[in-house]
Amino acid sequence: KTAEQQNFKAVGEDVSWSIVVENKGNVLLTDVVLADPLAGLNISAGDLNPGESKNYTATYKVTQPDLDNRSIINIVTVTARNGDTTLEVKDSEMVTAILPPVANDDVSSDHIAGNIVTVNILENDLLSGGQAATPGTVRIDLNLSANGIQNEYTVQGEGVWRYNTQSGAVTFTPVAGFTTDPAKIDYALIEISTGMSDIATIEADYNEGEPFAFNDVSTGN
């Protein structure tokens, strides 16, 4: 038995296996039956002469528990008779899930009004395998309403968001005179190796008029 694909990504996706039932012995096998409960197969293959084989295909639709378990194990059983002797052979094969990466919301707070805000959005994001996302393993789209991947997004009357493809940081540069909190934006985290994505938000909060206190040090008195 051989899986026609080694991975799956989504609920409802078809996973197929090619199954070859072969008589590798030197005696006739009778009453050959192929059972694949996962795919709902129970096939009478009849008799098999020595060296003879028959081919079948089993297909199964992925469910949410399969994604949660991150894998599907398919077990096929073939039974046959050689005279009064019953023979049984089992074969199993596993296909594994490719899950989307995980993008987490980012908030950068308490900035002086009018200043540029920088936040490394990749610091809390993960790849599909659980590893930390890095600039070399993902792409970032800052404007989900536009075609293609946008590393820059301008919000009229507020400012410009820019993604640095080398550092993984996003900066917000307010337009002159804009001193309040900009509207938070959505971004897509796209894993290069799988093409799968997840969406999170970026939010920049300014200190709007509240006083700032700084430590004072007097030396040489």
Protein backbone atom coordinates (compact mmCIF):
# COMPACT_ATOMS: atom_id res chain seq x y z
CA LYS A 1 0.00 0.00 0.00
CA THR A 2 1.35 3.42 -0.96
CA ALA A 3 -0.09 6.85 -0.18
CA GLU A 4 -0.47 8.96 -3.29
CA GLN A 5 0.43 12.03 -1.21
CA GLN A 6 2.44 12.22 1.99
CA ASN A 7 0.66 15.22 3.52
CA PHE A 8 -2.76 16.83 3.90
CA LYS A 9 -3.79 20.37 4.77
CA ALA A 10 -7.54 20.79 5.14
CA VAL A 11 -10.79 19.21 6.24
CA GLY A 12 -12.57 17.66 3.28
CA GLU A 13 -9.38 17.02 1.33
CA ASP A 14 -9.14 13.61 -0.34
CA VAL A 15 -6.27 11.32 0.66
CA SER A 16 -5.74 8.26 -1.56
CA TRP A 17 -3.75 5.07 -1.30
CA SER A 18 -2.72 2.68 -4.08
CA ILE A 19 -3.11 -0.92 -2.91
CA VAL A 20 -1.53 -3.92 -4.62
CA VAL A 21 -2.69 -7.37 -3.54
CA GLU A 22 -0.10 -9.86 -4.77
CA ASN A 23 0.47 -13.58 -4.38
CA LYS A 24 4.21 -13.82 -3.81
CA GLY A 25 4.09 -17.52 -2.96
CA ASN A 26 4.03 -20.61 -5.14
CA VAL A 27 0.54 -21.93 -4.35
CA LEU A 28 -2.95 -20.80 -5.31
CA LEU A 29 -4.68 -18.44 -2.88
CA THR A 30 -8.46 -18.52 -2.75
CA ASP A 31 -11.15 -16.35 -1.19
CA VAL A 32 -8.88 -13.29 -1.12
CA VAL A 33 -10.52 -10.38 0.69
CA LEU A 34 -9.22 -6.82 1.00
CA ALA A 35 -10.47 -4.76 3.97
CA ASP A 36 -9.76 -1.06 4.49
CA PRO A 37 -12.13 0.18 7.22
CA LEU A 38 -10.88 3.78 7.05
CA ALA A 39 -11.82 4.06 3.38
CA GLY A 40 -14.90 1.85 3.75
CA LEU A 41 -13.56 -0.90 1.50
CA ASN A 42 -14.34 -4.58 1.83
CA ILE A 43 -13.51 -6.19 -1.51
CA SER A 44 -13.57 -9.80 -2.57
CA ALA A 45 -10.55 -10.24 -4.81
CA GLY A 46 -11.37 -13.84 -5.74
CA ASP A 47 -8.42 -16.17 -6.36
CA LEU A 48 -4.79 -15.30 -6.98
CA ASN A 49 -2.38 -17.56 -8.82
CA PRO A 50 1.30 -17.47 -7.87
CA GLY A 51 2.81 -14.19 -9.11
CA GLU A 52 -0.61 -12.68 -9.86
CA SER A 53 -1.61 -9.28 -8.45
CA LYS A 54 -4.63 -6.97 -8.40
CA ASN A 55 -4.64 -3.20 -7.97
CA TYR A 56 -7.08 -1.07 -5.96
CA THR A 57 -7.43 2.53 -4.82
CA ALA A 58 -8.71 3.64 -1.42
CA THR A 59 -9.86 7.23 -0.85
CA TYR A 60 -10.65 8.97 2.43
CA LYS A 61 -11.83 12.50 3.26
CA VAL A 62 -9.90 14.36 5.94
CA THR A 63 -11.83 15.28 9.11
CA GLN A 64 -11.17 17.85 11.83
CA PRO A 65 -9.95 15.17 14.29
CA ASP A 66 -7.35 14.17 11.66
CA LEU A 67 -6.02 17.73 11.63
CA ASP A 68 -6.08 17.86 15.42
CA ASN A 69 -4.11 14.58 15.57
CA ARG A 70 -1.76 15.85 12.82
CA SER A 71 -1.79 12.48 11.04
CA ILE A 72 -3.85 9.70 9.48
CA ILE A 73 -2.89 6.04 9.84
CA ASN A 74 -4.52 3.69 7.35
CA ILE A 75 -4.42 -0.05 8.04
CA VAL A 76 -5.27 -2.50 5.28
CA THR A 77 -5.90 -6.19 5.96
CA VAL A 78 -5.84 -8.94 3.33
CA THR A 79 -7.06 -12.44 4.12
CA ALA A 80 -6.87 -15.52 1.91
CA ARG A 81 -7.12 -19.27 2.09
CA ASN A 82 -4.66 -21.95 1.08
CA GLY A 83 -6.63 -25.14 1.44
CA ASP A 84 -7.78 -25.31 5.05
CA THR A 85 -5.30 -22.63 6.16
CA THR A 86 -6.37 -19.00 6.55
CA LEU A 87 -3.68 -16.41 5.90
CA GLU A 88 -3.75 -12.77 6.99
CA VAL A 89 -1.46 -9.85 6.13
CA LYS A 90 -1.70 -6.28 7.45
CA ASP A 91 -0.06 -3.16 6.08
CA SER A 92 -0.21 0.38 7.42
CA GLU A 93 0.90 3.77 6.23
CA MET A 94 0.76 7.22 7.79
CA VAL A 95 0.26 10.59 6.14
CA THR A 96 0.89 13.74 8.17
CA ALA A 97 -0.84 17.09 8.40
CA ILE A 98 0.67 20.35 7.27
CA LEU A 99 -0.93 22.97 9.52
CA PRO A 100 -0.93 26.70 8.84
CA PRO A 101 1.54 28.98 10.60
CA VAL A 102 0.35 30.92 13.65
CA ALA A 103 0.24 34.71 13.56
CA ASN A 104 -0.37 36.42 16.91
CA ASP A 105 -1.65 39.96 17.47
CA ASP A 106 0.92 42.65 18.26
CA VAL A 107 0.43 45.77 20.38
CA SER A 108 3.10 48.42 20.95
CA SER A 109 2.04 50.95 23.59
CA ASP A 110 2.88 54.21 25.39
CA HIS A 111 4.68 56.04 22.59
CA ILE A 112 5.18 59.79 22.44
CA ALA A 113 2.63 61.31 20.06
CA GLY A 114 4.03 61.89 16.59
CA ASN A 115 6.96 59.48 16.96
CA ILE A 116 7.67 56.55 14.66
CA VAL A 117 6.64 53.21 16.18
CA THR A 118 8.56 49.99 15.48
CA VAL A 119 7.39 46.50 16.44
CA ASN A 120 8.93 43.16 15.48
CA ILE A 121 5.80 41.26 14.51
CA LEU A 122 7.62 37.94 14.01
CA GLU A 123 8.78 37.61 17.63
CA ASN A 124 5.54 35.89 18.67
CA ASP A 125 4.67 34.13 15.37
CA LEU A 126 5.24 30.45 14.62
CA LEU A 127 5.74 28.27 11.56
CA SER A 128 3.49 25.28 10.87
CA GLY A 129 5.92 22.96 12.65
CA GLY A 130 6.02 25.13 15.78
CA GLN A 131 9.37 26.78 15.05
CA ALA A 132 9.83 30.53 15.39
CA ALA A 133 8.98 32.50 12.27
CA THR A 134 11.92 34.37 10.73
CA PRO A 135 12.21 36.83 7.84
CA GLY A 136 13.70 34.10 5.65
CA THR A 137 10.86 31.63 6.21
CA VAL A 138 7.79 33.84 5.80
CA ARG A 139 6.37 36.69 3.77
CA ILE A 140 4.25 39.47 5.22
CA ASP A 141 1.31 41.14 3.47
CA LEU A 142 0.24 44.42 5.08
CA ASN A 143 -2.67 45.14 2.73
CA LEU A 144 -5.06 42.21 2.45
CA SER A 145 -7.41 44.10 0.14
CA ALA A 146 -4.79 44.50 -2.60
CA ASN A 147 -3.50 41.87 -5.00
CA GLY A 148 -0.08 40.39 -4.34
CA ILE A 149 2.08 40.88 -1.29
CA GLN A 150 2.30 44.43 0.00
CA ASN A 151 5.15 45.42 2.32
CA GLU A 152 3.80 48.96 2.63
CA TYR A 153 0.34 50.19 3.55
CA THR A 154 -0.74 53.84 3.61
CA VAL A 155 -3.73 54.91 5.68
CA GLN A 156 -4.91 58.31 4.52
CA GLY A 157 -4.80 60.92 7.25
CA GLU A 158 -2.87 58.65 9.61
CA GLY A 159 0.43 57.46 8.20
CA VAL A 160 2.39 54.67 6.56
CA TRP A 161 3.02 51.10 7.78
CA ARG A 162 6.15 49.44 6.39
CA TYR A 163 7.51 45.91 6.80
CA ASN A 164 11.28 45.35 6.83
CA THR A 165 11.97 42.07 5.02
CA GLN A 166 15.40 41.79 6.62
CA SER A 167 14.53 42.35 10.28
CA GLY A 168 10.89 41.30 10.52
CA ALA A 169 9.94 44.67 12.02
CA VAL A 170 7.00 46.85 11.03
CA THR A 171 7.20 50.62 11.46
CA PHE A 172 4.36 53.11 11.60
CA THR A 173 5.28 56.62 10.48
CA PRO A 174 2.52 59.13 11.25
CA VAL A 175 1.80 62.02 8.91
CA ALA A 176 2.59 65.49 10.21
CA GLY A 177 0.05 66.58 12.77
CA PHE A 178 -1.36 63.12 13.47
CA THR A 179 -1.00 62.59 17.21
CA THR A 180 -3.64 60.02 18.17
CA ASP A 181 -3.77 56.21 17.89
CA PRO A 182 -3.92 54.89 14.33
CA ALA A 183 -6.48 52.26 13.43
CA LYS A 184 -5.03 48.80 13.93
CA ILE A 185 -4.31 46.88 10.73
CA ASP A 186 -4.45 43.23 9.72
CA TYR A 187 -1.46 41.42 8.27
CA ALA A 188 -1.04 37.99 6.70
CA LEU A 189 1.79 35.71 7.78
CA ILE A 190 2.57 33.50 4.76
CA GLU A 191 4.84 30.48 5.22
CA ILE A 192 7.11 30.19 2.19
CA SER A 193 7.59 26.41 2.30
CA THR A 194 3.87 25.55 2.45
CA GLY A 195 2.11 28.60 1.04
CA MET A 196 -0.25 28.51 4.02
CA SER A 197 -1.10 31.63 5.99
CA ASP A 198 -2.66 33.10 9.10
CA ILE A 199 -3.90 36.60 9.92
CA ALA A 200 -3.26 38.80 12.95
CA THR A 201 -3.37 42.50 13.84
CA ILE A 202 -0.84 45.24 14.56
CA GLU A 203 -1.74 48.06 16.90
CA ALA A 204 0.25 51.17 17.88
CA ASP A 205 -0.87 53.14 20.94
CA TYR A 206 0.31 56.66 21.68
CA ASN A 207 0.43 58.47 25.02
CA GLU A 208 -2.00 61.28 24.19
CA GLY A 209 -1.23 64.14 26.51
CA GLU A 210 -0.42 62.21 29.67
CA PRO A 211 2.79 63.50 31.28
CA PHE A 212 6.02 61.51 31.11
CA ALA A 213 8.31 61.35 34.13
CA PHE A 214 12.04 60.66 33.67
CA ASN A 215 14.62 59.84 36.35
CA ASP A 216 16.95 62.67 37.33
CA VAL A 217 20.55 62.20 38.43
CA SER A 218 22.78 64.88 39.92
CA THR A 219 26.49 64.17 40.15
CA GLY A 220 29.60 66.04 41.30
CA ASN A 221 27.86 67.85 44.19
